[in-house]
Amino acid sequence: MQSTNTEQSATTGESQVVITDIKMPFWSMVWFLVKLSFAAIPALLIVWLVFALIGAVFGGVVGALGLNLH
């Protein structure tokens, strides 16, 4: 990785870094993206499950109140 701009803040001690290039072989990048896409599948299922549970709770509350939302 190559950085071009670093500045040190005198008051907080934090530094800002700008990354301009990442040297990574093409097939290594392809394999990384394949693994990323496979990792996204269970993450999507978990997010879907959370929203389904929220929808079920909301539907139960609305049903218990006797409101018809068609």
N, C-alpha and C. Protein backbone atom coordinates (compact mmCIF):
# COMPACT_ATOMS: atom_id res chain seq x y z
N MET A 1 0.85 -1.18 0.00
CA MET A 1 0.00 0.00 0.00
C MET A 1 0.89 1.24 0.00
N GLN A 2 0.42 2.23 -0.66
CA GLN A 2 1.20 3.45 -0.80
C GLN A 2 0.35 4.61 -0.32
N SER A 3 0.90 5.42 0.54
CA SER A 3 0.17 6.59 0.99
C SER A 3 0.89 7.84 0.50
N THR A 4 0.09 8.85 0.15
CA THR A 4 0.68 10.05 -0.41
C THR A 4 0.58 11.25 0.52
N ASN A 5 -0.38 11.21 1.43
CA ASN A 5 -0.61 12.40 2.24
C ASN A 5 -0.81 11.99 3.69
N THR A 6 0.07 12.44 4.55
CA THR A 6 -0.11 12.20 5.98
C THR A 6 0.00 13.53 6.70
N GLU A 7 -0.97 13.79 7.56
CA GLU A 7 -0.96 15.01 8.36
C GLU A 7 -1.20 14.62 9.80
N GLN A 8 -0.46 15.19 10.70
CA GLN A 8 -0.61 14.91 12.13
C GLN A 8 -1.28 16.10 12.78
N SER A 9 -2.37 15.85 13.49
CA SER A 9 -3.06 16.90 14.22
C SER A 9 -2.34 17.14 15.54
N ALA A 10 -2.07 18.39 15.84
CA ALA A 10 -1.31 18.72 17.05
C ALA A 10 -2.14 18.52 18.31
N THR A 11 -3.45 18.68 18.22
CA THR A 11 -4.27 18.62 19.43
C THR A 11 -4.74 17.21 19.77
N THR A 12 -5.09 16.40 18.77
CA THR A 12 -5.66 15.08 19.06
C THR A 12 -4.68 13.95 18.87
N GLY A 13 -3.60 14.15 18.15
CA GLY A 13 -2.63 13.09 17.89
C GLY A 13 -3.08 12.14 16.80
N GLU A 14 -4.17 12.44 16.10
CA GLU A 14 -4.66 11.59 15.02
C GLU A 14 -3.96 11.96 13.73
N SER A 15 -3.78 10.96 12.87
CA SER A 15 -3.19 11.24 11.57
C SER A 15 -4.16 10.79 10.48
N GLN A 16 -4.16 11.52 9.37
CA GLN A 16 -5.00 11.19 8.23
C GLN A 16 -4.13 10.59 7.13
N VAL A 17 -4.58 9.47 6.56
CA VAL A 17 -3.82 8.78 5.53
C VAL A 17 -4.72 8.61 4.31
N VAL A 18 -4.19 8.90 3.13
CA VAL A 18 -4.89 8.70 1.87
C VAL A 18 -4.22 7.55 1.15
N ILE A 19 -4.97 6.48 0.89
CA ILE A 19 -4.43 5.32 0.17
C ILE A 19 -4.69 5.51 -1.31
N THR A 20 -3.65 5.41 -2.11
CA THR A 20 -3.79 5.65 -3.55
C THR A 20 -3.70 4.39 -4.37
N ASP A 21 -3.11 3.31 -3.85
CA ASP A 21 -2.95 2.11 -4.66
C ASP A 21 -2.83 0.88 -3.75
N ILE A 22 -3.42 -0.21 -4.18
CA ILE A 22 -3.25 -1.50 -3.51
C ILE A 22 -2.73 -2.47 -4.56
N LYS A 23 -1.56 -3.00 -4.34
CA LYS A 23 -0.98 -3.94 -5.30
C LYS A 23 -1.43 -5.35 -4.91
N MET A 24 -2.27 -5.95 -5.77
CA MET A 24 -2.80 -7.29 -5.52
C MET A 24 -2.93 -8.00 -6.85
N PRO A 25 -2.44 -9.24 -6.94
CA PRO A 25 -2.55 -9.96 -8.21
C PRO A 25 -4.02 -10.15 -8.62
N PHE A 26 -4.24 -10.24 -9.93
CA PHE A 26 -5.60 -10.31 -10.47
C PHE A 26 -6.36 -11.52 -9.94
N TRP A 27 -5.77 -12.71 -10.01
CA TRP A 27 -6.48 -13.93 -9.59
C TRP A 27 -6.70 -13.96 -8.08
N SER A 28 -5.82 -13.32 -7.35
CA SER A 28 -6.04 -13.21 -5.91
C SER A 28 -7.25 -12.31 -5.63
N MET A 29 -7.39 -11.25 -6.41
CA MET A 29 -8.55 -10.37 -6.28
C MET A 29 -9.83 -11.10 -6.68
N VAL A 30 -9.77 -11.90 -7.75
CA VAL A 30 -10.94 -12.67 -8.19
C VAL A 30 -11.35 -13.64 -7.08
N TRP A 31 -10.39 -14.36 -6.51
CA TRP A 31 -10.70 -15.32 -5.45
C TRP A 31 -11.29 -14.61 -4.23
N PHE A 32 -10.76 -13.43 -3.90
CA PHE A 32 -11.29 -12.65 -2.79
C PHE A 32 -12.74 -12.27 -3.04
N LEU A 33 -13.07 -11.84 -4.25
CA LEU A 33 -14.44 -11.45 -4.57
C LEU A 33 -15.39 -12.65 -4.58
N VAL A 34 -14.90 -13.82 -4.99
CA VAL A 34 -15.72 -15.03 -4.94
C VAL A 34 -16.05 -15.38 -3.49
N LYS A 35 -15.03 -15.32 -2.62
CA LYS A 35 -15.26 -15.60 -1.20
C LYS A 35 -16.20 -14.56 -0.60
N LEU A 36 -16.06 -13.32 -1.01
CA LEU A 36 -16.94 -12.25 -0.52
C LEU A 36 -18.39 -12.52 -0.92
N SER A 37 -18.61 -12.97 -2.16
CA SER A 37 -19.98 -13.25 -2.60
C SER A 37 -20.57 -14.43 -1.84
N PHE A 38 -19.77 -15.44 -1.54
CA PHE A 38 -20.28 -16.57 -0.76
C PHE A 38 -20.55 -16.15 0.69
N ALA A 39 -19.77 -15.25 1.22
CA ALA A 39 -19.99 -14.77 2.59
C ALA A 39 -21.23 -13.90 2.68
N ALA A 40 -21.63 -13.28 1.56
CA ALA A 40 -22.79 -12.41 1.57
C ALA A 40 -24.09 -13.21 1.66
N ILE A 41 -24.08 -14.48 1.25
CA ILE A 41 -25.31 -15.28 1.26
C ILE A 41 -25.84 -15.49 2.68
N PRO A 42 -25.04 -16.00 3.63
CA PRO A 42 -25.58 -16.14 4.98
C PRO A 42 -25.89 -14.79 5.64
N ALA A 43 -25.12 -13.77 5.30
CA ALA A 43 -25.40 -12.45 5.86
C ALA A 43 -26.77 -11.96 5.37
N LEU A 44 -27.08 -12.19 4.10
CA LEU A 44 -28.37 -11.80 3.56
C LEU A 44 -29.49 -12.58 4.23
N LEU A 45 -29.28 -13.86 4.49
CA LEU A 45 -30.30 -14.67 5.17
C LEU A 45 -30.54 -14.17 6.59
N ILE A 46 -29.49 -13.78 7.28
CA ILE A 46 -29.64 -13.26 8.64
C ILE A 46 -30.42 -11.95 8.62
N VAL A 47 -30.08 -11.06 7.70
CA VAL A 47 -30.80 -9.78 7.60
C VAL A 47 -32.26 -10.03 7.25
N TRP A 48 -32.53 -10.97 6.32
CA TRP A 48 -33.90 -11.30 5.96
C TRP A 48 -34.65 -11.84 7.17
N LEU A 49 -34.02 -12.69 7.96
CA LEU A 49 -34.65 -13.26 9.15
C LEU A 49 -34.99 -12.17 10.17
N VAL A 50 -34.08 -11.23 10.37
CA VAL A 50 -34.34 -10.13 11.31
C VAL A 50 -35.54 -9.30 10.85
N PHE A 51 -35.59 -8.96 9.56
CA PHE A 51 -36.73 -8.18 9.06
C PHE A 51 -38.02 -8.98 9.10
N ALA A 52 -37.96 -10.29 8.88
CA ALA A 52 -39.15 -11.14 8.97
C ALA A 52 -39.67 -11.16 10.40
N LEU A 53 -38.77 -11.25 11.37
CA LEU A 53 -39.20 -11.23 12.78
C LEU A 53 -39.81 -9.89 13.17
N ILE A 54 -39.21 -8.81 12.70
CA ILE A 54 -39.76 -7.48 12.98
C ILE A 54 -41.14 -7.35 12.35
N GLY A 55 -41.30 -7.84 11.12
CA GLY A 55 -42.60 -7.80 10.45
C GLY A 55 -43.62 -8.65 11.16
N ALA A 56 -43.21 -9.82 11.68
CA ALA A 56 -44.14 -10.68 12.41
C ALA A 56 -44.59 -10.03 13.71
N VAL A 57 -43.66 -9.40 14.41
CA VAL A 57 -44.02 -8.70 15.65
C VAL A 57 -44.97 -7.55 15.34
N PHE A 58 -44.65 -6.77 14.33
CA PHE A 58 -45.50 -5.65 13.95
C PHE A 58 -46.88 -6.15 13.52
N GLY A 59 -46.93 -7.23 12.74
CA GLY A 59 -48.21 -7.80 12.33
C GLY A 59 -49.00 -8.32 13.50
N GLY A 60 -48.31 -8.91 14.47
CA GLY A 60 -49.00 -9.38 15.66
C GLY A 60 -49.57 -8.25 16.48
N VAL A 61 -48.83 -7.16 16.60
CA VAL A 61 -49.32 -6.00 17.35
C VAL A 61 -50.53 -5.39 16.65
N VAL A 62 -50.44 -5.24 15.34
CA VAL A 62 -51.56 -4.66 14.59
C VAL A 62 -52.77 -5.60 14.66
N GLY A 63 -52.52 -6.91 14.57
CA GLY A 63 -53.62 -7.87 14.67
C GLY A 63 -54.25 -7.86 16.05
N ALA A 64 -53.45 -7.70 17.09
CA ALA A 64 -53.97 -7.67 18.44
C ALA A 64 -54.79 -6.42 18.71
N LEU A 65 -54.46 -5.35 18.03
CA LEU A 65 -55.21 -4.11 18.18
C LEU A 65 -56.52 -4.13 17.39
N GLY A 66 -56.67 -5.12 16.50
CA GLY A 66 -57.89 -5.24 15.72
C GLY A 66 -57.94 -4.31 14.53
N LEU A 67 -56.79 -3.84 14.08
CA LEU A 67 -56.75 -2.96 12.91
C LEU A 67 -56.57 -3.81 11.66
N ASN A 68 -57.32 -3.48 10.62
CA ASN A 68 -57.17 -4.17 9.34
C ASN A 68 -56.39 -3.27 8.40
N LEU A 69 -55.16 -3.65 8.11
CA LEU A 69 -54.35 -2.89 7.16
C LEU A 69 -54.20 -3.72 5.89
N HIS A 70 -55.10 -3.52 4.95
CA HIS A 70 -55.04 -4.27 3.70
C HIS A 70 -54.48 -3.40 2.63
